[in-house]
């Protein structure tokens, strides 16, 4: 009984960590999308099915997680964390993209 409770507490802290990081990354991600789509007319990341800005952000977070596993294992990202961040950034990219404006 004690182990399942500690696992649930660990997962809830992980969820809060992912939501907090996602909320911090959303303004930067939205600025990136708006700058690319409306300011420079270079690429349209929200017109393709897999948003490359979100995939790149997750790639950077995964590299950061590999470093954190060696230095501070408690702060490393799990697959659940990355899935939550991916979902948050994808929704924010879709809303801030050219097709929704």
C-alpha atoms as a PDB file:
ATOM      1  CA  UNK A   1       0.000   0.000   0.000  1.00  0.00           C
ATOM      2  CA  UNK A   2       2.812   2.427   0.805  1.00  0.00           C
ATOM      3  CA  UNK A   3       4.617   1.874  -2.495  1.00  0.00           C
ATOM      4  CA  UNK A   4       1.628   2.626  -4.702  1.00  0.00           C
ATOM      5  CA  UNK A   5       1.026   5.852  -2.811  1.00  0.00           C
ATOM      6  CA  UNK A   6       4.617   6.991  -3.334  1.00  0.00           C
ATOM      7  CA  UNK A   7       4.394   6.123  -7.043  1.00  0.00           C
ATOM      8  CA  UNK A   8       1.220   8.210  -7.412  1.00  0.00           C
ATOM      9  CA  UNK A   9       2.829  11.148  -5.614  1.00  0.00           C
ATOM     10  CA  UNK A  10       5.899  10.895  -7.879  1.00  0.00           C
ATOM     11  CA  UNK A  11       3.720  10.865 -11.003  1.00  0.00           C
ATOM     12  CA  UNK A  12       1.703  13.877  -9.876  1.00  0.00           C
ATOM     13  CA  UNK A  13       4.896  15.871  -9.247  1.00  0.00           C
ATOM     14  CA  UNK A  14       6.091  14.861 -12.695  1.00  0.00           C
ATOM     15  CA  UNK A  15       2.828  16.039 -14.248  1.00  0.00           C
ATOM     16  CA  UNK A  16       3.122  19.403 -12.518  1.00  0.00           C
ATOM     17  CA  UNK A  17       6.710  19.720 -13.718  1.00  0.00           C
ATOM     18  CA  UNK A  18       5.647  19.035 -17.315  1.00  0.00           C
ATOM     19  CA  UNK A  19       2.696  21.434 -17.177  1.00  0.00           C
ATOM     20  CA  UNK A  20       4.882  24.153 -15.663  1.00  0.00           C
ATOM     21  CA  UNK A  21       7.567  23.722 -18.327  1.00  0.00           C
ATOM     22  CA  UNK A  22       4.919  23.611 -21.071  1.00  0.00           C
ATOM     23  CA  UNK A  23       3.417  26.879 -19.827  1.00  0.00           C
ATOM     24  CA  UNK A  24       6.860  28.487 -19.890  1.00  0.00           C
ATOM     25  CA  UNK A  25       7.581  27.227 -23.419  1.00  0.00           C
ATOM     26  CA  UNK A  26       4.230  28.228 -24.968  1.00  0.00           C
ATOM     27  CA  UNK A  27       5.000  31.981 -25.373  1.00  0.00           C
ATOM     28  CA  UNK A  28       8.392  31.264 -26.970  1.00  0.00           C
ATOM     29  CA  UNK A  29       6.864  28.649 -29.242  1.00  0.00           C
ATOM     30  CA  UNK A  30       4.017  30.951 -30.267  1.00  0.00           C
ATOM     31  CA  UNK A  31       6.454  33.786 -30.956  1.00  0.00           C
ATOM     32  CA  UNK A  32       8.516  31.426 -33.134  1.00  0.00           C
ATOM     33  CA  UNK A  33       5.441  30.365 -35.126  1.00  0.00           C
ATOM     34  CA  UNK A  34       4.169  33.918 -35.634  1.00  0.00           C
ATOM     35  CA  UNK A  35       7.628  35.191 -36.626  1.00  0.00           C
ATOM     36  CA  UNK A  36       8.125  32.440 -39.182  1.00  0.00           C
ATOM     37  CA  UNK A  37       4.629  32.504 -40.661  1.00  0.00           C
ATOM     38  CA  UNK A  38       3.754  36.193 -40.673  1.00  0.00           C
ATOM     39  CA  UNK A  39       7.013  38.060 -40.322  1.00  0.00           C
ATOM     40  CA  UNK A  40       9.376  36.291 -42.660  1.00  0.00           C
ATOM     41  CA  UNK A  41       7.132  34.053 -44.772  1.00  0.00           C
ATOM     42  CA  UNK A  42       9.824  31.366 -44.642  1.00  0.00           C
ATOM     43  CA  UNK A  43       7.972  28.249 -43.663  1.00  0.00           C
ATOM     44  CA  UNK A  44       4.543  27.336 -42.453  1.00  0.00           C
ATOM     45  CA  UNK A  45       5.020  24.923 -39.556  1.00  0.00           C
ATOM     46  CA  UNK A  46       1.296  24.663 -38.848  1.00  0.00           C
ATOM     47  CA  UNK A  47       0.339  23.752 -42.414  1.00  0.00           C
ATOM     48  CA  UNK A  48       1.935  20.305 -42.214  1.00  0.00           C
ATOM     49  CA  UNK A  49       0.697  17.454 -40.095  1.00  0.00           C
ATOM     50  CA  UNK A  50       3.700  17.215 -37.779  1.00  0.00           C
ATOM     51  CA  UNK A  51       4.627  20.641 -36.434  1.00  0.00           C
ATOM     52  CA  UNK A  52       8.391  20.851 -36.886  1.00  0.00           C
ATOM     53  CA  UNK A  53       8.777  23.586 -34.287  1.00  0.00           C
ATOM     54  CA  UNK A  54       7.306  21.296 -31.622  1.00  0.00           C
ATOM     55  CA  UNK A  55       9.393  18.334 -32.781  1.00  0.00           C
ATOM     56  CA  UNK A  56      12.556  20.452 -32.607  1.00  0.00           C
ATOM     57  CA  UNK A  57      11.636  21.663 -29.119  1.00  0.00           C
ATOM     58  CA  UNK A  58      11.104  18.075 -27.982  1.00  0.00           C
ATOM     59  CA  UNK A  59      14.429  17.101 -29.524  1.00  0.00           C
ATOM     60  CA  UNK A  60      16.177  19.787 -27.472  1.00  0.00           C
ATOM     61  CA  UNK A  61      14.307  18.705 -24.329  1.00  0.00           C
ATOM     62  CA  UNK A  62      15.319  15.086 -24.947  1.00  0.00           C
ATOM     63  CA  UNK A  63      18.979  16.116 -25.231  1.00  0.00           C
ATOM     64  CA  UNK A  64      18.598  18.094 -22.017  1.00  0.00           C
ATOM     65  CA  UNK A  65      17.033  15.065 -20.396  1.00  0.00           C
ATOM     66  CA  UNK A  66      19.998  12.887 -21.388  1.00  0.00           C
ATOM     67  CA  UNK A  67      22.289  15.312 -19.587  1.00  0.00           C
ATOM     68  CA  UNK A  68      19.975  15.495 -16.569  1.00  0.00           C
ATOM     69  CA  UNK A  69      19.867  11.700 -16.237  1.00  0.00           C
ATOM     70  CA  UNK A  70      23.576  11.723 -15.469  1.00  0.00           C
ATOM     71  CA  UNK A  71      23.666  14.815 -13.275  1.00  0.00           C
ATOM     72  CA  UNK A  72      20.231  15.109 -11.601  1.00  0.00           C
ATOM     73  CA  UNK A  73      18.130  12.001 -12.320  1.00  0.00           C
ATOM     74  CA  UNK A  74      15.082  13.331 -10.446  1.00  0.00           C
ATOM     75  CA  UNK A  75      14.777  16.262 -12.859  1.00  0.00           C
ATOM     76  CA  UNK A  76      15.062  14.177 -16.043  1.00  0.00           C
ATOM     77  CA  UNK A  77      11.996  14.044 -18.267  1.00  0.00           C
ATOM     78  CA  UNK A  78       9.953  10.890 -18.595  1.00  0.00           C
ATOM     79  CA  UNK A  79       7.996   9.916 -21.685  1.00  0.00           C
ATOM     80  CA  UNK A  80       4.839  11.106 -19.907  1.00  0.00           C
ATOM     81  CA  UNK A  81       6.385  14.535 -19.375  1.00  0.00           C
ATOM     82  CA  UNK A  82       7.383  14.827 -23.017  1.00  0.00           C
ATOM     83  CA  UNK A  83       3.935  13.734 -24.168  1.00  0.00           C
ATOM     84  CA  UNK A  84       2.266  16.400 -22.033  1.00  0.00           C
ATOM     85  CA  UNK A  85       4.667  19.065 -23.311  1.00  0.00           C
ATOM     86  CA  UNK A  86       4.156  17.904 -26.916  1.00  0.00           C
ATOM     87  CA  UNK A  87       0.386  18.142 -26.551  1.00  0.00           C
ATOM     88  CA  UNK A  88       0.521  21.593 -24.980  1.00  0.00           C
ATOM     89  CA  UNK A  89       2.923  22.986 -27.590  1.00  0.00           C
ATOM     90  CA  UNK A  90       1.026  21.429 -30.496  1.00  0.00           C
ATOM     91  CA  UNK A  91      -2.258  22.978 -29.405  1.00  0.00           C
ATOM     92  CA  UNK A  92      -0.564  26.350 -28.848  1.00  0.00           C
ATOM     93  CA  UNK A  93       1.090  26.149 -32.284  1.00  0.00           C
ATOM     94  CA  UNK A  94      -2.193  25.315 -33.965  1.00  0.00           C
ATOM     95  CA  UNK A  95      -3.931  28.248 -32.319  1.00  0.00           C
ATOM     96  CA  UNK A  96      -1.172  30.771 -33.004  1.00  0.00           C
ATOM     97  CA  UNK A  97      -0.592  29.602 -36.566  1.00  0.00           C
ATOM     98  CA  UNK A  98      -1.595  31.422 -39.713  1.00  0.00           C
ATOM     99  CA  UNK A  99      -4.643  29.237 -40.332  1.00  0.00           C
ATOM    100  CA  UNK A 100      -6.265  30.233 -37.040  1.00  0.00           C
ATOM    101  CA  UNK A 101      -5.598  33.977 -37.251  1.00  0.00           C
END
